[in-house]
Amino acid sequence: MLPVPSLVTGKVEAWPIRPVSTVGDGRSDTRPVAGAVVEALQDGNVVAATTTDDDGRYELRVRPGSYVIRAMAERLHSKEPGKTVSIAAGQTLTVGFVLDTGIRCRWGYQSATCPLGVSCRRARQA
């Protein structure tokens, strides 16, 4: 008998989409990342892969077991190599990712451009 497939679903977002003037300023602006690659790995081997839709959402069908789920997108950075999950037969897990755009404003004034194509105005440090 074949094992019942399981699902890993979630959303890949990018942050910040505007320059950050101070650390911990409470901003939660994110933007969905379309076309990000999301992979499920077992023992370092990719066993399932997909790309995100226009809303940054993805769905991976996997067999029950333990996996490292990772998300990658051009010009965006992940602060972690992946998220380790264990999934049972027929279970659906939600695993979200927030990739770093790398844009920051330094003391004073500095313009910045978001890798997602959003132009950022000059920001002032508070």
PDB file of N, CA and C in Angstrom:
ATOM      1  N   MET A   1       0.838  -1.173   0.000  1.00  0.00           N
ATOM      2  CA  MET A   1       0.000   0.000   0.000  1.00  0.00           C
ATOM      3  C   MET A   1       0.890   1.246   0.000  1.00  0.00           C
ATOM      4  N   LEU A   2       0.571   2.216  -0.863  1.00  0.00           N
ATOM      5  CA  LEU A   2       1.345   3.447  -0.957  1.00  0.00           C
ATOM      6  C   LEU A   2       1.007   4.377   0.198  1.00  0.00           C
ATOM      7  N   PRO A   3       2.023   5.096   0.722  1.00  0.00           N
ATOM      8  CA  PRO A   3       1.737   6.041   1.799  1.00  0.00           C
ATOM      9  C   PRO A   3       0.874   7.204   1.280  1.00  0.00           C
ATOM     10  N   VAL A   4       0.041   7.720   2.168  1.00  0.00           N
ATOM     11  CA  VAL A   4      -0.807   8.865   1.819  1.00  0.00           C
ATOM     12  C   VAL A   4       0.093  10.097   1.693  1.00  0.00           C
ATOM     13  N   PRO A   5      -0.006  10.824   0.569  1.00  0.00           N
ATOM     14  CA  PRO A   5       0.856  11.999   0.414  1.00  0.00           C
ATOM     15  C   PRO A   5       0.541  13.068   1.457  1.00  0.00           C
ATOM     16  N   SER A   6       1.535  13.833   1.762  1.00  0.00           N
ATOM     17  CA  SER A   6       1.408  14.930   2.710  1.00  0.00           C
ATOM     18  C   SER A   6       1.720  16.224   1.974  1.00  0.00           C
ATOM     19  N   LEU A   7       1.309  17.340   2.546  1.00  0.00           N
ATOM     20  CA  LEU A   7       1.524  18.639   1.909  1.00  0.00           C
ATOM     21  C   LEU A   7       2.311  19.576   2.809  1.00  0.00           C
ATOM     22  N   VAL A   8       3.235  20.296   2.203  1.00  0.00           N
ATOM     23  CA  VAL A   8       3.897  21.418   2.859  1.00  0.00           C
ATOM     24  C   VAL A   8       3.483  22.638   2.045  1.00  0.00           C
ATOM     25  N   THR A   9       2.819  23.574   2.694  1.00  0.00           N
ATOM     26  CA  THR A   9       2.352  24.777   2.015  1.00  0.00           C
ATOM     27  C   THR A   9       2.872  25.999   2.748  1.00  0.00           C
ATOM     28  N   GLY A  10       2.798  27.137   2.116  1.00  0.00           N
ATOM     29  CA  GLY A  10       3.219  28.358   2.787  1.00  0.00           C
ATOM     30  C   GLY A  10       3.336  29.510   1.829  1.00  0.00           C
ATOM     31  N   LYS A  11       4.000  30.539   2.321  1.00  0.00           N
ATOM     32  CA  LYS A  11       4.170  31.765   1.556  1.00  0.00           C
ATOM     33  C   LYS A  11       5.604  32.243   1.715  1.00  0.00           C
ATOM     34  N   VAL A  12       6.156  32.761   0.628  1.00  0.00           N
ATOM     35  CA  VAL A  12       7.490  33.357   0.656  1.00  0.00           C
ATOM     36  C   VAL A  12       7.307  34.857   0.470  1.00  0.00           C
ATOM     37  N   GLU A  13       7.856  35.614   1.419  1.00  0.00           N
ATOM     38  CA  GLU A  13       7.753  37.065   1.377  1.00  0.00           C
ATOM     39  C   GLU A  13       9.142  37.685   1.472  1.00  0.00           C
ATOM     40  N   ALA A  14       9.232  38.953   1.073  1.00  0.00           N
ATOM     41  CA  ALA A  14      10.486  39.695   1.159  1.00  0.00           C
ATOM     42  C   ALA A  14      10.311  40.851   2.131  1.00  0.00           C
ATOM     43  N   TRP A  15      11.378  41.156   2.867  1.00  0.00           N
ATOM     44  CA  TRP A  15      11.389  42.253   3.825  1.00  0.00           C
ATOM     45  C   TRP A  15      12.792  42.806   3.916  1.00  0.00           C
ATOM     46  N   PRO A  16      13.047  44.031   4.142  1.00  0.00           N
ATOM     47  CA  PRO A  16      12.098  45.129   4.075  1.00  0.00           C
ATOM     48  C   PRO A  16      11.892  45.559   2.629  1.00  0.00           C
ATOM     49  N   ILE A  17      10.757  46.164   2.366  1.00  0.00           N
ATOM     50  CA  ILE A  17      10.508  46.675   1.019  1.00  0.00           C
ATOM     51  C   ILE A  17      10.760  48.170   0.967  1.00  0.00           C
ATOM     52  N   ARG A  18      11.009  48.758   2.117  1.00  0.00           N
ATOM     53  CA  ARG A  18      11.391  50.166   2.218  1.00  0.00           C
ATOM     54  C   ARG A  18      12.621  50.226   3.111  1.00  0.00           C
ATOM     55  N   PRO A  19      13.395  51.284   3.010  1.00  0.00           N
ATOM     56  CA  PRO A  19      14.559  51.401   3.893  1.00  0.00           C
ATOM     57  C   PRO A  19      14.150  51.357   5.360  1.00  0.00           C
ATOM     58  N   VAL A  20      14.960  50.723   6.141  1.00  0.00           N
ATOM     59  CA  VAL A  20      14.727  50.636   7.583  1.00  0.00           C
ATOM     60  C   VAL A  20      15.615  51.671   8.240  1.00  0.00           C
ATOM     61  N   SER A  21      15.013  52.586   8.974  1.00  0.00           N
ATOM     62  CA  SER A  21      15.815  53.654   9.565  1.00  0.00           C
ATOM     63  C   SER A  21      16.344  53.274  10.939  1.00  0.00           C
ATOM     64  N   THR A  22      15.609  52.473  11.683  1.00  0.00           N
ATOM     65  CA  THR A  22      16.093  52.029  12.981  1.00  0.00           C
ATOM     66  C   THR A  22      15.723  50.567  13.169  1.00  0.00           C
ATOM     67  N   VAL A  23      16.563  49.856  13.860  1.00  0.00           N
ATOM     68  CA  VAL A  23      16.298  48.447  14.134  1.00  0.00           C
ATOM     69  C   VAL A  23      15.130  48.362  15.104  1.00  0.00           C
ATOM     70  N   GLY A  24      14.207  47.467  14.821  1.00  0.00           N
ATOM     71  CA  GLY A  24      13.072  47.261  15.711  1.00  0.00           C
ATOM     72  C   GLY A  24      12.057  48.381  15.695  1.00  0.00           C
ATOM     73  N   ASP A  25      11.924  49.070  14.566  1.00  0.00           N
ATOM     74  CA  ASP A  25      10.978  50.182  14.511  1.00  0.00           C
ATOM     75  C   ASP A  25       9.535  49.725  14.331  1.00  0.00           C
ATOM     76  N   GLY A  26       9.305  48.400  14.340  1.00  0.00           N
ATOM     77  CA  GLY A  26       7.949  47.889  14.299  1.00  0.00           C
ATOM     78  C   GLY A  26       7.363  47.731  12.909  1.00  0.00           C
ATOM     79  N   ARG A  27       8.118  48.032  11.874  1.00  0.00           N
ATOM     80  CA  ARG A  27       7.586  47.870  10.525  1.00  0.00           C
ATOM     81  C   ARG A  27       7.398  46.394  10.216  1.00  0.00           C
ATOM     82  N   SER A  28       6.307  46.099   9.557  1.00  0.00           N
ATOM     83  CA  SER A  28       6.072  44.723   9.157  1.00  0.00           C
ATOM     84  C   SER A  28       5.747  44.656   7.669  1.00  0.00           C
ATOM     85  N   ASP A  29       6.217  45.656   6.919  1.00  0.00           N
ATOM     86  CA  ASP A  29       5.971  45.685   5.483  1.00  0.00           C
ATOM     87  C   ASP A  29       6.683  44.520   4.807  1.00  0.00           C
ATOM     88  N   THR A  30       5.909  43.677   4.169  1.00  0.00           N
ATOM     89  CA  THR A  30       6.488  42.593   3.380  1.00  0.00           C
ATOM     90  C   THR A  30       5.816  42.606   2.018  1.00  0.00           C
ATOM     91  N   ARG A  31       6.413  41.904   1.096  1.00  0.00           N
ATOM     92  CA  ARG A  31       5.847  41.777  -0.237  1.00  0.00           C
ATOM     93  C   ARG A  31       5.985  40.319  -0.654  1.00  0.00           C
ATOM     94  N   PRO A  32       4.950  39.732  -1.279  1.00  0.00           N
ATOM     95  CA  PRO A  32       5.060  38.349  -1.743  1.00  0.00           C
ATOM     96  C   PRO A  32       6.140  38.229  -2.807  1.00  0.00           C
ATOM     97  N   VAL A  33       6.826  37.105  -2.815  1.00  0.00           N
ATOM     98  CA  VAL A  33       7.880  36.857  -3.799  1.00  0.00           C
ATOM     99  C   VAL A  33       7.367  35.834  -4.806  1.00  0.00           C
ATOM    100  N   ALA A  34       7.092  36.288  -6.013  1.00  0.00           N
ATOM    101  CA  ALA A  34       6.666  35.394  -7.090  1.00  0.00           C
ATOM    102  C   ALA A  34       7.901  34.744  -7.712  1.00  0.00           C
ATOM    103  N   GLY A  35       7.805  33.474  -8.046  1.00  0.00           N
ATOM    104  CA  GLY A  35       8.900  32.782  -8.722  1.00  0.00           C
ATOM    105  C   GLY A  35      10.028  32.308  -7.827  1.00  0.00           C
ATOM    106  N   ALA A  36       9.845  32.375  -6.512  1.00  0.00           N
ATOM    107  CA  ALA A  36      10.863  31.832  -5.603  1.00  0.00           C
ATOM    108  C   ALA A  36      10.851  30.309  -5.720  1.00  0.00           C
ATOM    109  N   VAL A  37      12.009  29.706  -5.560  1.00  0.00           N
ATOM    110  CA  VAL A  37      12.115  28.245  -5.596  1.00  0.00           C
ATOM    111  C   VAL A  37      12.040  27.724  -4.177  1.00  0.00           C
ATOM    112  N   VAL A  38      11.130  26.776  -3.939  1.00  0.00           N
ATOM    113  CA  VAL A  38      10.998  26.145  -2.633  1.00  0.00           C
ATOM    114  C   VAL A  38      11.284  24.663  -2.815  1.00  0.00           C
ATOM    115  N   GLU A  39      12.171  24.134  -1.984  1.00  0.00           N
ATOM    116  CA  GLU A  39      12.602  22.739  -2.112  1.00  0.00           C
ATOM    117  C   GLU A  39      12.436  21.990  -0.801  1.00  0.00           C
ATOM    118  N   ALA A  40      12.169  20.696  -0.914  1.00  0.00           N
ATOM    119  CA  ALA A  40      12.172  19.781   0.231  1.00  0.00           C
ATOM    120  C   ALA A  40      13.386  18.870   0.045  1.00  0.00           C
ATOM    121  N   LEU A  41      14.240  18.806   1.060  1.00  0.00           N
ATOM    122  CA  LEU A  41      15.443  17.976   0.994  1.00  0.00           C
ATOM    123  C   LEU A  41      15.411  16.894   2.055  1.00  0.00           C
ATOM    124  N   GLN A  42      15.899  15.713   1.682  1.00  0.00           N
ATOM    125  CA  GLN A  42      16.123  14.619   2.619  1.00  0.00           C
ATOM    126  C   GLN A  42      17.552  14.158   2.412  1.00  0.00           C
ATOM    127  N   ASP A  43      18.308  14.118   3.497  1.00  0.00           N
ATOM    128  CA  ASP A  43      19.716  13.715   3.439  1.00  0.00           C
ATOM    129  C   ASP A  43      20.491  14.522   2.399  1.00  0.00           C
ATOM    130  N   GLY A  44      20.155  15.811   2.285  1.00  0.00           N
ATOM    131  CA  GLY A  44      20.864  16.706   1.366  1.00  0.00           C
ATOM    132  C   GLY A  44      20.424  16.608  -0.080  1.00  0.00           C
ATOM    133  N   ASN A  45      19.478  15.722  -0.389  1.00  0.00           N
ATOM    134  CA  ASN A  45      18.997  15.566  -1.763  1.00  0.00           C
ATOM    135  C   ASN A  45      17.622  16.209  -1.917  1.00  0.00           C
ATOM    136  N   VAL A  46      17.430  16.933  -3.025  1.00  0.00           N
ATOM    137  CA  VAL A  46      16.142  17.546  -3.308  1.00  0.00           C
ATOM    138  C   VAL A  46      15.180  16.447  -3.736  1.00  0.00           C
ATOM    139  N   VAL A  47      14.068  16.299  -2.999  1.00  0.00           N
ATOM    140  CA  VAL A  47      13.073  15.267  -3.317  1.00  0.00           C
ATOM    141  C   VAL A  47      11.781  15.870  -3.856  1.00  0.00           C
ATOM    142  N   ALA A  48      11.605  17.175  -3.687  1.00  0.00           N
ATOM    143  CA  ALA A  48      10.441  17.865  -4.237  1.00  0.00           C
ATOM    144  C   ALA A  48      10.814  19.336  -4.383  1.00  0.00           C
ATOM    145  N   ALA A  49      10.302  19.973  -5.428  1.00  0.00           N
ATOM    146  CA  ALA A  49      10.582  21.392  -5.657  1.00  0.00           C
ATOM    147  C   ALA A  49       9.413  22.024  -6.398  1.00  0.00           C
ATOM    148  N   THR A  50       9.241  23.311  -6.169  1.00  0.00           N
ATOM    149  CA  THR A  50       8.208  24.076  -6.858  1.00  0.00           C
ATOM    150  C   THR A  50       8.615  25.534  -6.858  1.00  0.00           C
ATOM    151  N   THR A  51       7.831  26.355  -7.546  1.00  0.00           N
ATOM    152  CA  THR A  51       8.041  27.793  -7.504  1.00  0.00           C
ATOM    153  C   THR A  51       6.763  28.453  -6.978  1.00  0.00           C
ATOM    154  N   THR A  52       6.934  29.622  -6.392  1.00  0.00           N
ATOM    155  CA  THR A  52       5.798  30.333  -5.822  1.00  0.00           C
ATOM    156  C   THR A  52       4.987  31.016  -6.918  1.00  0.00           C
ATOM    157  N   ASP A  53       3.698  31.198  -6.628  1.00  0.00           N
ATOM    158  CA  ASP A  53       2.819  31.891  -7.574  1.00  0.00           C
ATOM    159  C   ASP A  53       2.953  33.405  -7.375  1.00  0.00           C
ATOM    160  N   ASP A  54       2.115  34.184  -8.024  1.00  0.00           N
ATOM    161  CA  ASP A  54       2.184  35.643  -7.939  1.00  0.00           C
ATOM    162  C   ASP A  54       1.948  36.170  -6.527  1.00  0.00           C
ATOM    163  N   ASP A  55       1.262  35.394  -5.694  1.00  0.00           N
ATOM    164  CA  ASP A  55       1.012  35.793  -4.309  1.00  0.00           C
ATOM    165  C   ASP A  55       2.061  35.253  -3.343  1.00  0.00           C
ATOM    166  N   GLY A  56       3.131  34.628  -3.883  1.00  0.00           N
ATOM    167  CA  GLY A  56       4.197  34.083  -3.045  1.00  0.00           C
ATOM    168  C   GLY A  56       3.858  32.748  -2.417  1.00  0.00           C
ATOM    169  N   ARG A  57       2.760  32.135  -2.808  1.00  0.00           N
ATOM    170  CA  ARG A  57       2.324  30.872  -2.200  1.00  0.00           C
ATOM    171  C   ARG A  57       2.892  29.673  -2.959  1.00  0.00           C
ATOM    172  N   TYR A  58       3.071  28.587  -2.199  1.00  0.00           N
ATOM    173  CA  TYR A  58       3.590  27.353  -2.785  1.00  0.00           C
ATOM    174  C   TYR A  58       2.922  26.152  -2.138  1.00  0.00           C
ATOM    175  N   GLU A  59       3.090  25.006  -2.787  1.00  0.00           N
ATOM    176  CA  GLU A  59       2.601  23.735  -2.253  1.00  0.00           C
ATOM    177  C   GLU A  59       3.532  22.629  -2.724  1.00  0.00           C
ATOM    178  N   LEU A  60       4.021  21.840  -1.787  1.00  0.00           N
ATOM    179  CA  LEU A  60       4.877  20.690  -2.086  1.00  0.00           C
ATOM    180  C   LEU A  60       4.182  19.413  -1.621  1.00  0.00           C
ATOM    181  N   ARG A  61       4.135  18.402  -2.479  1.00  0.00           N
ATOM    182  CA  ARG A  61       3.623  17.082  -2.089  1.00  0.00           C
ATOM    183  C   ARG A  61       4.827  16.215  -1.747  1.00  0.00           C
ATOM    184  N   VAL A  62       4.804  15.670  -0.537  1.00  0.00           N
ATOM    185  CA  VAL A  62       5.916  14.842  -0.068  1.00  0.00           C
ATOM    186  C   VAL A  62       5.369  13.595   0.613  1.00  0.00           C
ATOM    187  N   ARG A  63       6.227  12.610   0.746  1.00  0.00           N
ATOM    188  CA  ARG A  63       5.882  11.420   1.520  1.00  0.00           C
ATOM    189  C   ARG A  63       6.105  11.722   2.993  1.00  0.00           C
ATOM    190  N   PRO A  64       5.474  10.987   3.874  1.00  0.00           N
ATOM    191  CA  PRO A  64       5.714  11.192   5.304  1.00  0.00           C
ATOM    192  C   PRO A  64       7.212  11.055   5.609  1.00  0.00           C
ATOM    193  N   GLY A  65       7.692  11.889   6.517  1.00  0.00           N
ATOM    194  CA  GLY A  65       9.101  11.828   6.893  1.00  0.00           C
ATOM    195  C   GLY A  65       9.604  13.171   7.380  1.00  0.00           C
ATOM    196  N   SER A  66      10.925  13.269   7.494  1.00  0.00           N
ATOM    197  CA  SER A  66      11.579  14.506   7.932  1.00  0.00           C
ATOM    198  C   SER A  66      12.257  15.167   6.741  1.00  0.00           C
ATOM    199  N   TYR A  67      12.132  16.477   6.673  1.00  0.00           N
ATOM    200  CA  TYR A  67      12.666  17.244   5.549  1.00  0.00           C
ATOM    201  C   TYR A  67      13.264  18.554   6.028  1.00  0.00           C
ATOM    202  N   VAL A  68      14.150  19.089   5.220  1.00  0.00           N
ATOM    203  CA  VAL A  68      14.565  20.475   5.349  1.00  0.00           C
ATOM    204  C   VAL A  68      13.869  21.196   4.199  1.00  0.00           C
ATOM    205  N   ILE A  69      13.087  22.209   4.535  1.00  0.00           N
ATOM    206  CA  ILE A  69      12.390  23.004   3.537  1.00  0.00           C
ATOM    207  C   ILE A  69      13.156  24.317   3.415  1.00  0.00           C
ATOM    208  N   ARG A  70      13.505  24.684   2.180  1.00  0.00           N
ATOM    209  CA  ARG A  70      14.223  25.940   1.983  1.00  0.00           C
ATOM    210  C   ARG A  70      13.614  26.717   0.823  1.00  0.00           C
ATOM    211  N   ALA A  71      13.782  28.046   0.895  1.00  0.00           N
ATOM    212  CA  ALA A  71      13.273  28.937  -0.137  1.00  0.00           C
ATOM    213  C   ALA A  71      14.411  29.818  -0.620  1.00  0.00           C
ATOM    214  N   MET A  72      14.452  30.021  -1.941  1.00  0.00           N
ATOM    215  CA  MET A  72      15.501  30.839  -2.545  1.00  0.00           C
ATOM    216  C   MET A  72      14.892  31.700  -3.640  1.00  0.00           C
ATOM    217  N   ALA A  73      15.423  32.911  -3.783  1.00  0.00           N
ATOM    218  CA  ALA A  73      14.989  33.802  -4.853  1.00  0.00           C
ATOM    219  C   ALA A  73      16.169  34.684  -5.246  1.00  0.00           C
ATOM    220  N   GLU A  74      16.218  35.009  -6.512  1.00  0.00           N
ATOM    221  CA  GLU A  74      17.303  35.829  -7.026  1.00  0.00           C
ATOM    222  C   GLU A  74      17.342  37.171  -6.308  1.00  0.00           C
ATOM    223  N   ARG A  75      18.532  37.572  -5.895  1.00  0.00           N
ATOM    224  CA  ARG A  75      18.820  38.844  -5.230  1.00  0.00           C
ATOM    225  C   ARG A  75      18.196  38.983  -3.853  1.00  0.00           C
ATOM    226  N   LEU A  76      17.691  37.899  -3.287  1.00  0.00           N
ATOM    227  CA  LEU A  76      17.167  37.919  -1.922  1.00  0.00           C
ATOM    228  C   LEU A  76      17.957  36.937  -1.087  1.00  0.00           C
ATOM    229  N   HIS A  77      18.035  37.182   0.200  1.00  0.00           N
ATOM    230  CA  HIS A  77      18.883  36.389   1.086  1.00  0.00           C
ATOM    231  C   HIS A  77      18.065  35.735   2.189  1.00  0.00           C
ATOM    232  N   SER A  78      18.439  34.526   2.526  1.00  0.00           N
ATOM    233  CA  SER A  78      17.811  33.832   3.632  1.00  0.00           C
ATOM    234  C   SER A  78      18.764  33.846   4.809  1.00  0.00           C
ATOM    235  N   LYS A  79      18.231  34.088   5.990  1.00  0.00           N
ATOM    236  CA  LYS A  79      19.067  34.097   7.185  1.00  0.00           C
ATOM    237  C   LYS A  79      19.226  32.705   7.771  1.00  0.00           C
ATOM    238  N   GLU A  80      18.584  31.717   7.153  1.00  0.00           N
ATOM    239  CA  GLU A  80      18.684  30.345   7.642  1.00  0.00           C
ATOM    240  C   GLU A  80      18.799  29.389   6.451  1.00  0.00           C
ATOM    241  N   PRO A  81      19.496  28.278   6.633  1.00  0.00           N
ATOM    242  CA  PRO A  81      19.667  27.337   5.523  1.00  0.00           C
ATOM    243  C   PRO A  81      18.398  26.571   5.170  1.00  0.00           C
ATOM    244  N   GLY A  82      17.394  26.638   6.006  1.00  0.00           N
ATOM    245  CA  GLY A  82      16.141  25.931   5.784  1.00  0.00           C
ATOM    246  C   GLY A  82      15.479  25.644   7.115  1.00  0.00           C
ATOM    247  N   LYS A  83      14.275  25.125   7.035  1.00  0.00           N
ATOM    248  CA  LYS A  83      13.524  24.786   8.245  1.00  0.00           C
ATOM    249  C   LYS A  83      13.301  23.286   8.256  1.00  0.00           C
ATOM    250  N   THR A  84      13.648  22.649   9.376  1.00  0.00           N
ATOM    251  CA  THR A  84      13.492  21.207   9.514  1.00  0.00           C
ATOM    252  C   THR A  84      12.078  20.903  10.009  1.00  0.00           C
ATOM    253  N   VAL A  85      11.413  20.010   9.280  1.00  0.00           N
ATOM    254  CA  VAL A  85      10.041  19.633   9.645  1.00  0.00           C
ATOM    255  C   VAL A  85       9.903  18.120   9.595  1.00  0.00           C
ATOM    256  N   SER A  86       8.955  17.603  10.348  1.00  0.00           N
ATOM    257  CA  SER A  86       8.552  16.199  10.266  1.00  0.00           C
ATOM    258  C   SER A  86       7.074  16.202   9.939  1.00  0.00           C
ATOM    259  N   ILE A  87       6.691  15.351   9.004  1.00  0.00           N
ATOM    260  CA  ILE A  87       5.312  15.351   8.538  1.00  0.00           C
ATOM    261  C   ILE A  87       4.778  13.928   8.487  1.00  0.00           C
ATOM    262  N   ALA A  88       3.549  13.755   8.938  1.00  0.00           N
ATOM    263  CA  ALA A  88       2.909  12.437   8.964  1.00  0.00           C
ATOM    264  C   ALA A  88       2.052  12.254   7.705  1.00  0.00           C
ATOM    265  N   ALA A  89       1.636  11.051   7.472  1.00  0.00           N
ATOM    266  CA  ALA A  89       0.788  10.734   6.320  1.00  0.00           C
ATOM    267  C   ALA A  89      -0.495  11.553   6.355  1.00  0.00           C
ATOM    268  N   GLY A  90      -0.794  12.204   5.245  1.00  0.00           N
ATOM    269  CA  GLY A  90      -2.020  12.981   5.128  1.00  0.00           C
ATOM    270  C   GLY A  90      -2.002  14.329   5.822  1.00  0.00           C
ATOM    271  N   GLN A  91      -0.913  14.665   6.491  1.00  0.00           N
ATOM    272  CA  GLN A  91      -0.808  15.916   7.232  1.00  0.00           C
ATOM    273  C   GLN A  91      -0.482  17.071   6.284  1.00  0.00           C
ATOM    274  N   THR A  92      -0.937  18.261   6.633  1.00  0.00           N
ATOM    275  CA  THR A  92      -0.568  19.480   5.922  1.00  0.00           C
ATOM    276  C   THR A  92       0.147  20.400   6.900  1.00  0.00           C
ATOM    277  N   LEU A  93       1.373  20.784   6.554  1.00  0.00           N
ATOM    278  CA  LEU A  93       2.152  21.722   7.368  1.00  0.00           C
ATOM    279  C   LEU A  93       2.250  23.046   6.633  1.00  0.00           C
ATOM    280  N   THR A  94       2.221  24.123   7.380  1.00  0.00           N
ATOM    281  CA  THR A  94       2.432  25.447   6.801  1.00  0.00           C
ATOM    282  C   THR A  94       3.802  25.940   7.237  1.00  0.00           C
ATOM    283  N   VAL A  95       4.644  26.259   6.252  1.00  0.00           N
ATOM    284  CA  VAL A  95       6.001  26.743   6.513  1.00  0.00           C
ATOM    285  C   VAL A  95       6.195  28.018   5.698  1.00  0.00           C
ATOM    286  N   GLY A  96       6.320  29.134   6.402  1.00  0.00           N
ATOM    287  CA  GLY A  96       6.507  30.414   5.733  1.00  0.00           C
ATOM    288  C   GLY A  96       7.951  30.874   5.782  1.00  0.00           C
ATOM    289  N   PHE A  97       8.306  31.712   4.821  1.00  0.00           N
ATOM    290  CA  PHE A  97       9.658  32.250   4.740  1.00  0.00           C
ATOM    291  C   PHE A  97       9.604  33.755   4.510  1.00  0.00           C
ATOM    292  N   VAL A  98      10.516  34.468   5.151  1.00  0.00           N
ATOM    293  CA  VAL A  98      10.706  35.887   4.882  1.00  0.00           C
ATOM    294  C   VAL A  98      12.164  36.052   4.468  1.00  0.00           C
ATOM    295  N   LEU A  99      12.363  36.393   3.198  1.00  0.00           N
ATOM    296  CA  LEU A  99      13.706  36.589   2.664  1.00  0.00           C
ATOM    297  C   LEU A  99      14.081  38.060   2.792  1.00  0.00           C
ATOM    298  N   ASP A 100      15.358  38.305   2.993  1.00  0.00           N
ATOM    299  CA  ASP A 100      15.871  39.652   3.235  1.00  0.00           C
ATOM    300  C   ASP A 100      16.262  40.311   1.920  1.00  0.00           C
ATOM    301  N   THR A 101      15.735  41.522   1.686  1.00  0.00           N
ATOM    302  CA  THR A 101      16.087  42.261   0.471  1.00  0.00           C
ATOM    303  C   THR A 101      17.463  42.893   0.571  1.00  0.00           C
ATOM    304  N   GLY A 102      17.939  43.093   1.791  1.00  0.00           N
ATOM    305  CA  GLY A 102      19.253  43.695   1.989  1.00  0.00           C
ATOM    306  C   GLY A 102      19.251  45.212   1.978  1.00  0.00           C
ATOM    307  N   ILE A 103      18.096  45.846   1.736  1.00  0.00           N
ATOM    308  CA  ILE A 103      18.111  47.313   1.703  1.00  0.00           C
ATOM    309  C   ILE A 103      18.069  47.853   3.123  1.00  0.00           C
ATOM    310  N   ARG A 104      18.873  48.842   3.341  1.00  0.00           N
ATOM    311  CA  ARG A 104      18.941  49.519   4.630  1.00  0.00           C
ATOM    312  C   ARG A 104      19.322  50.968   4.376  1.00  0.00           C
ATOM    313  N   CYS A 105      18.941  51.840   5.250  1.00  0.00           N
ATOM    314  CA  CYS A 105      19.425  53.217   5.192  1.00  0.00           C
ATOM    315  C   CYS A 105      20.361  53.420   6.367  1.00  0.00           C
ATOM    316  N   ARG A 106      21.430  54.076   6.095  1.00  0.00           N
ATOM    317  CA  ARG A 106      22.408  54.347   7.142  1.00  0.00           C
ATOM    318  C   ARG A 106      22.163  55.731   7.710  1.00  0.00           C
ATOM    319  N   TRP A 107      22.909  56.053   8.732  1.00  0.00           N
ATOM    320  CA  TRP A 107      22.769  57.347   9.374  1.00  0.00           C
ATOM    321  C   TRP A 107      22.854  58.462   8.342  1.00  0.00           C
ATOM    322  N   GLY A 108      21.999  59.437   8.459  1.00  0.00           N
ATOM    323  CA  GLY A 108      21.960  60.522   7.491  1.00  0.00           C
ATOM    324  C   GLY A 108      20.974  60.178   6.399  1.00  0.00           C
ATOM    325  N   TYR A 109      21.330  60.463   5.171  1.00  0.00           N
ATOM    326  CA  TYR A 109      20.447  60.201   4.042  1.00  0.00           C
ATOM    327  C   TYR A 109      21.153  59.324   3.027  1.00  0.00           C
ATOM    328  N   GLN A 110      20.473  58.335   2.583  1.00  0.00           N
ATOM    329  CA  GLN A 110      21.012  57.450   1.553  1.00  0.00           C
ATOM    330  C   GLN A 110      19.829  56.846   0.805  1.00  0.00           C
ATOM    331  N   SER A 111      19.815  56.998  -0.490  1.00  0.00           N
ATOM    332  CA  SER A 111      18.728  56.377  -1.237  1.00  0.00           C
ATOM    333  C   SER A 111      18.997  54.891  -1.362  1.00  0.00           C
ATOM    334  N   ALA A 112      17.951  54.135  -1.547  1.00  0.00           N
ATOM    335  CA  ALA A 112      18.082  52.684  -1.663  1.00  0.00           C
ATOM    336  C   ALA A 112      17.084  52.184  -2.691  1.00  0.00           C
ATOM    337  N   THR A 113      17.420  51.084  -3.330  1.00  0.00           N
ATOM    338  CA  THR A 113      16.513  50.471  -4.292  1.00  0.00           C
ATOM    339  C   THR A 113      16.267  49.041  -3.880  1.00  0.00           C
ATOM    340  N   CYS A 114      15.023  48.666  -3.847  1.00  0.00           N
ATOM    341  CA  CYS A 114      14.631  47.317  -3.453  1.00  0.00           C
ATOM    342  C   CYS A 114      14.868  46.359  -4.611  1.00  0.00           C
ATOM    343  N   PRO A 115      15.409  45.165  -4.367  1.00  0.00           N
ATOM    344  CA  PRO A 115      15.605  44.183  -5.429  1.00  0.00           C
ATOM    345  C   PRO A 115      14.307  43.748  -6.095  1.00  0.00           C
ATOM    346  N   LEU A 116      13.183  44.032  -5.459  1.00  0.00           N
ATOM    347  CA  LEU A 116      11.899  43.669  -6.055  1.00  0.00           C
ATOM    348  C   LEU A 116      11.404  44.733  -7.023  1.00  0.00           C
ATOM    349  N   GLY A 117      12.199  45.786  -7.215  1.00  0.00           N
ATOM    350  CA  GLY A 117      11.831  46.809  -8.170  1.00  0.00           C
ATOM    351  C   GLY A 117      11.094  47.992  -7.585  1.00  0.00           C
ATOM    352  N   VAL A 118      11.047  48.107  -6.272  1.00  0.00           N
ATOM    353  CA  VAL A 118      10.365  49.221  -5.626  1.00  0.00           C
ATOM    354  C   VAL A 118      11.403  50.296  -5.332  1.00  0.00           C
ATOM    355  N   SER A 119      11.190  51.493  -5.834  1.00  0.00           N
ATOM    356  CA  SER A 119      12.120  52.578  -5.535  1.00  0.00           C
ATOM    357  C   SER A 119      11.821  53.109  -4.151  1.00  0.00           C
ATOM    358  N   CYS A 120      12.857  53.357  -3.403  1.00  0.00           N
ATOM    359  CA  CYS A 120      12.704  53.850  -2.041  1.00  0.00           C
ATOM    360  C   CYS A 120      13.110  55.311  -1.983  1.00  0.00           C
ATOM    361  N   ARG A 121      12.307  56.097  -1.286  1.00  0.00           N
ATOM    362  CA  ARG A 121      12.650  57.506  -1.111  1.00  0.00           C
ATOM    363  C   ARG A 121      13.749  57.606  -0.065  1.00  0.00           C
ATOM    364  N   ARG A 122      14.349  58.772  -0.049  1.00  0.00           N
ATOM    365  CA  ARG A 122      15.366  59.015   0.982  1.00  0.00           C
ATOM    366  C   ARG A 122      14.695  58.935   2.356  1.00  0.00           C
ATOM    367  N   ALA A 123      15.321  58.252   3.239  1.00  0.00           N
ATOM    368  CA  ALA A 123      14.760  58.094   4.584  1.00  0.00           C
ATOM    369  C   ALA A 123      15.643  58.827   5.588  1.00  0.00           C
ATOM    370  N   ARG A 124      15.028  59.315   6.616  1.00  0.00           N
ATOM    371  CA  ARG A 124      15.757  60.053   7.629  1.00  0.00           C
ATOM    372  C   ARG A 124      15.765  59.257   8.915  1.00  0.00           C
ATOM    373  N   GLN A 125      16.921  59.193   9.543  1.00  0.00           N
ATOM    374  CA  GLN A 125      17.048  58.500  10.830  1.00  0.00           C
ATOM    375  C   GLN A 125      16.337  59.307  11.889  1.00  0.00           C
ATOM    376  N   ALA A 126      15.525  58.656  12.702  1.00  0.00           N
ATOM    377  CA  ALA A 126      14.807  59.368  13.768  1.00  0.00           C
ATOM    378  C   ALA A 126      15.707  59.620  14.952  1.00  0.00           C
TER     379      ALA A 126
END
